[in-house]
Amino acid sequence: MGLDQYGMIGCTTEKRVDDAGKEYTVKIADQDFYWRKHSRLQDFMEKLWVEKTGRRDVELNCEDMELTEGDVNKLEGAFHNGYNDNISEGGLFYGHQFQDESVKHYREDDLAFIEAAKAAIKEGKQIVYSCWW
């Protein structure tokens, strides 16, 4: 068990019908990113969630958060700062014990996500962050 994090570039939703005739919705993305127990990224996103929604009573867990150009710019700033303002106190499954290592391990993935998100936003595409623990 643990923190699974997803970045979806060019995210859209599509309604489908299963074999039993029940309708459901799927998310489709042009490009997907995945992180596992990147607790400083999660700390950044949780703070952004509260800033955007004004709610501390609803966790980001299993929620979709659309990222704007301003949000991605803030993420880029945090990234270039080594997420030093996002020291995770940890959730039960966040992997906060090795957060310094995760910052190094995911450096290229974080930068690729930021660059892809900035390009997609310029094309009018939706960027979504989601997590599950």
Protein backbone atom coordinates (compact mmCIF):
# COMPACT_ATOMS: atom_id res chain seq x y z
CA MET A 1 0.00 0.00 0.00
CA GLY A 2 1.11 3.53 -0.52
CA LEU A 3 0.72 6.82 -2.27
CA ASP A 4 0.14 6.57 -6.03
CA GLN A 5 0.15 9.84 -7.97
CA TYR A 6 -0.96 10.56 -11.52
CA GLY A 7 -0.47 13.46 -13.90
CA MET A 8 -2.69 13.45 -16.96
CA ILE A 9 -1.82 15.67 -19.92
CA GLY A 10 -4.59 16.46 -22.39
CA CYS A 11 -7.17 14.78 -20.18
CA THR A 12 -10.69 14.21 -21.47
CA THR A 13 -13.57 12.07 -20.29
CA GLU A 14 -15.60 9.66 -22.32
CA LYS A 15 -18.85 7.90 -21.50
CA ARG A 16 -18.96 4.19 -22.19
CA VAL A 17 -21.40 1.34 -21.67
CA ASP A 18 -20.38 -2.03 -20.24
CA ASP A 19 -21.69 -5.42 -21.38
CA ALA A 20 -24.53 -5.21 -18.88
CA GLY A 21 -25.68 -1.87 -20.32
CA LYS A 22 -24.45 0.21 -17.38
CA GLU A 23 -22.92 3.57 -18.29
CA TYR A 24 -19.57 4.63 -16.84
CA THR A 25 -16.99 7.35 -17.44
CA VAL A 26 -13.32 6.87 -18.26
CA LYS A 27 -10.50 9.39 -18.35
CA ILE A 28 -8.36 9.45 -21.44
CA ALA A 29 -5.08 11.36 -21.58
CA ASP A 30 -2.67 12.15 -24.38
CA GLN A 31 0.17 11.49 -21.95
CA ASP A 32 0.24 9.94 -18.46
CA PHE A 33 2.74 10.41 -15.66
CA TYR A 34 3.05 8.26 -12.57
CA TRP A 35 4.86 8.73 -9.28
CA ARG A 36 4.97 6.42 -6.27
CA LYS A 37 5.43 7.91 -2.80
CA HIS A 38 6.80 11.27 -4.02
CA SER A 39 5.81 12.91 -0.75
CA ARG A 40 7.15 16.40 -1.47
CA LEU A 41 5.19 16.57 -4.71
CA GLN A 42 2.16 15.42 -2.75
CA ASP A 43 2.73 18.09 -0.09
CA PHE A 44 2.88 20.71 -2.85
CA MET A 45 -0.34 19.39 -4.44
CA GLU A 46 -2.20 19.19 -1.13
CA LYS A 47 -1.33 22.81 -0.34
CA LEU A 48 -2.45 23.77 -3.86
CA TRP A 49 -5.69 21.80 -3.34
CA VAL A 50 -6.51 23.81 -0.21
CA GLU A 51 -5.56 27.06 -1.95
CA LYS A 52 -7.77 26.29 -4.95
CA THR A 53 -10.77 24.83 -3.10
CA GLY A 54 -10.54 26.62 0.22
CA ARG A 55 -11.33 23.27 1.86
CA ARG A 56 -9.30 21.43 4.41
CA ASP A 57 -12.14 19.05 5.24
CA VAL A 58 -11.96 17.23 1.88
CA GLU A 59 -8.71 15.43 1.15
CA LEU A 60 -7.16 15.34 -2.30
CA ASN A 61 -7.25 11.52 -2.10
CA CYS A 62 -9.15 10.10 -5.11
CA GLU A 63 -10.05 13.58 -6.34
CA ASP A 64 -9.08 15.16 -9.66
CA MET A 65 -7.48 18.58 -9.53
CA GLU A 66 -7.21 20.52 -12.75
CA LEU A 67 -3.97 22.45 -13.03
CA THR A 68 -3.88 25.89 -14.62
CA GLU A 69 -0.91 27.63 -16.18
CA GLY A 70 -0.38 29.47 -12.88
CA ASP A 71 -0.45 26.19 -10.95
CA VAL A 72 2.14 24.64 -13.27
CA ASN A 73 4.32 27.75 -12.90
CA LYS A 74 4.13 27.38 -9.11
CA LEU A 75 5.03 23.70 -9.45
CA GLU A 76 7.99 24.63 -11.62
CA GLY A 77 9.18 27.07 -8.98
CA ALA A 78 8.86 24.43 -6.25
CA PHE A 79 10.70 21.94 -8.45
CA HIS A 80 13.62 24.32 -9.08
CA ASN A 81 13.72 25.02 -5.34
CA GLY A 82 14.06 21.29 -4.64
CA TYR A 83 10.59 21.35 -3.06
CA ASN A 84 12.30 22.90 -0.02
CA ASP A 85 9.02 24.57 1.00
CA ASN A 86 7.27 21.20 0.79
CA ILE A 87 8.84 19.10 3.50
CA SER A 88 6.32 16.33 4.07
CA GLU A 89 5.29 15.46 7.59
CA GLY A 90 4.06 12.30 5.98
CA GLY A 91 0.85 10.49 5.68
CA LEU A 92 0.71 6.88 6.71
CA PHE A 93 1.61 5.70 3.21
CA TYR A 94 3.48 8.73 1.79
CA GLY A 95 7.06 7.47 2.01
CA HIS A 96 8.12 10.64 3.82
CA GLN A 97 11.02 8.73 5.36
CA PHE A 98 12.85 8.87 2.00
CA GLN A 99 11.51 12.13 0.57
CA ASP A 100 14.97 13.54 -0.22
CA GLU A 101 15.73 10.46 -2.29
CA SER A 102 12.37 10.71 -4.08
CA VAL A 103 13.08 14.30 -5.11
CA LYS A 104 16.29 13.11 -6.78
CA HIS A 105 14.76 9.93 -8.20
CA TYR A 106 11.82 11.75 -9.85
CA ARG A 107 13.74 14.82 -11.01
CA GLU A 108 13.59 13.96 -14.73
CA ASP A 109 9.95 12.82 -14.52
CA ASP A 110 8.93 16.01 -12.70
CA LEU A 111 10.63 18.19 -15.29
CA ALA A 112 9.09 16.19 -18.17
CA PHE A 113 5.64 16.59 -16.59
CA ILE A 114 6.10 20.34 -16.14
CA GLU A 115 7.30 20.84 -19.71
CA ALA A 116 4.51 18.67 -21.18
CA ALA A 117 1.90 20.45 -19.07
CA LYS A 118 3.09 23.90 -20.15
CA ALA A 119 2.99 22.89 -23.82
CA ALA A 120 -0.45 21.30 -23.50
CA ILE A 121 -1.91 24.33 -21.73
CA LYS A 122 -0.75 26.53 -24.62
CA GLU A 123 -2.78 24.20 -26.87
CA GLY A 124 -5.83 24.60 -24.64
CA LYS A 125 -5.63 21.09 -23.21
CA GLN A 126 -6.62 20.07 -19.70
CA ILE A 127 -4.01 19.00 -17.13
CA VAL A 128 -5.15 16.89 -14.16
CA TYR A 129 -3.39 15.67 -11.02
CA SER A 130 -4.87 12.85 -9.00
CA CYS A 131 -3.66 10.60 -6.22
CA TRP A 132 -4.72 7.60 -4.23
CA TRP A 133 -3.55 6.11 -0.97
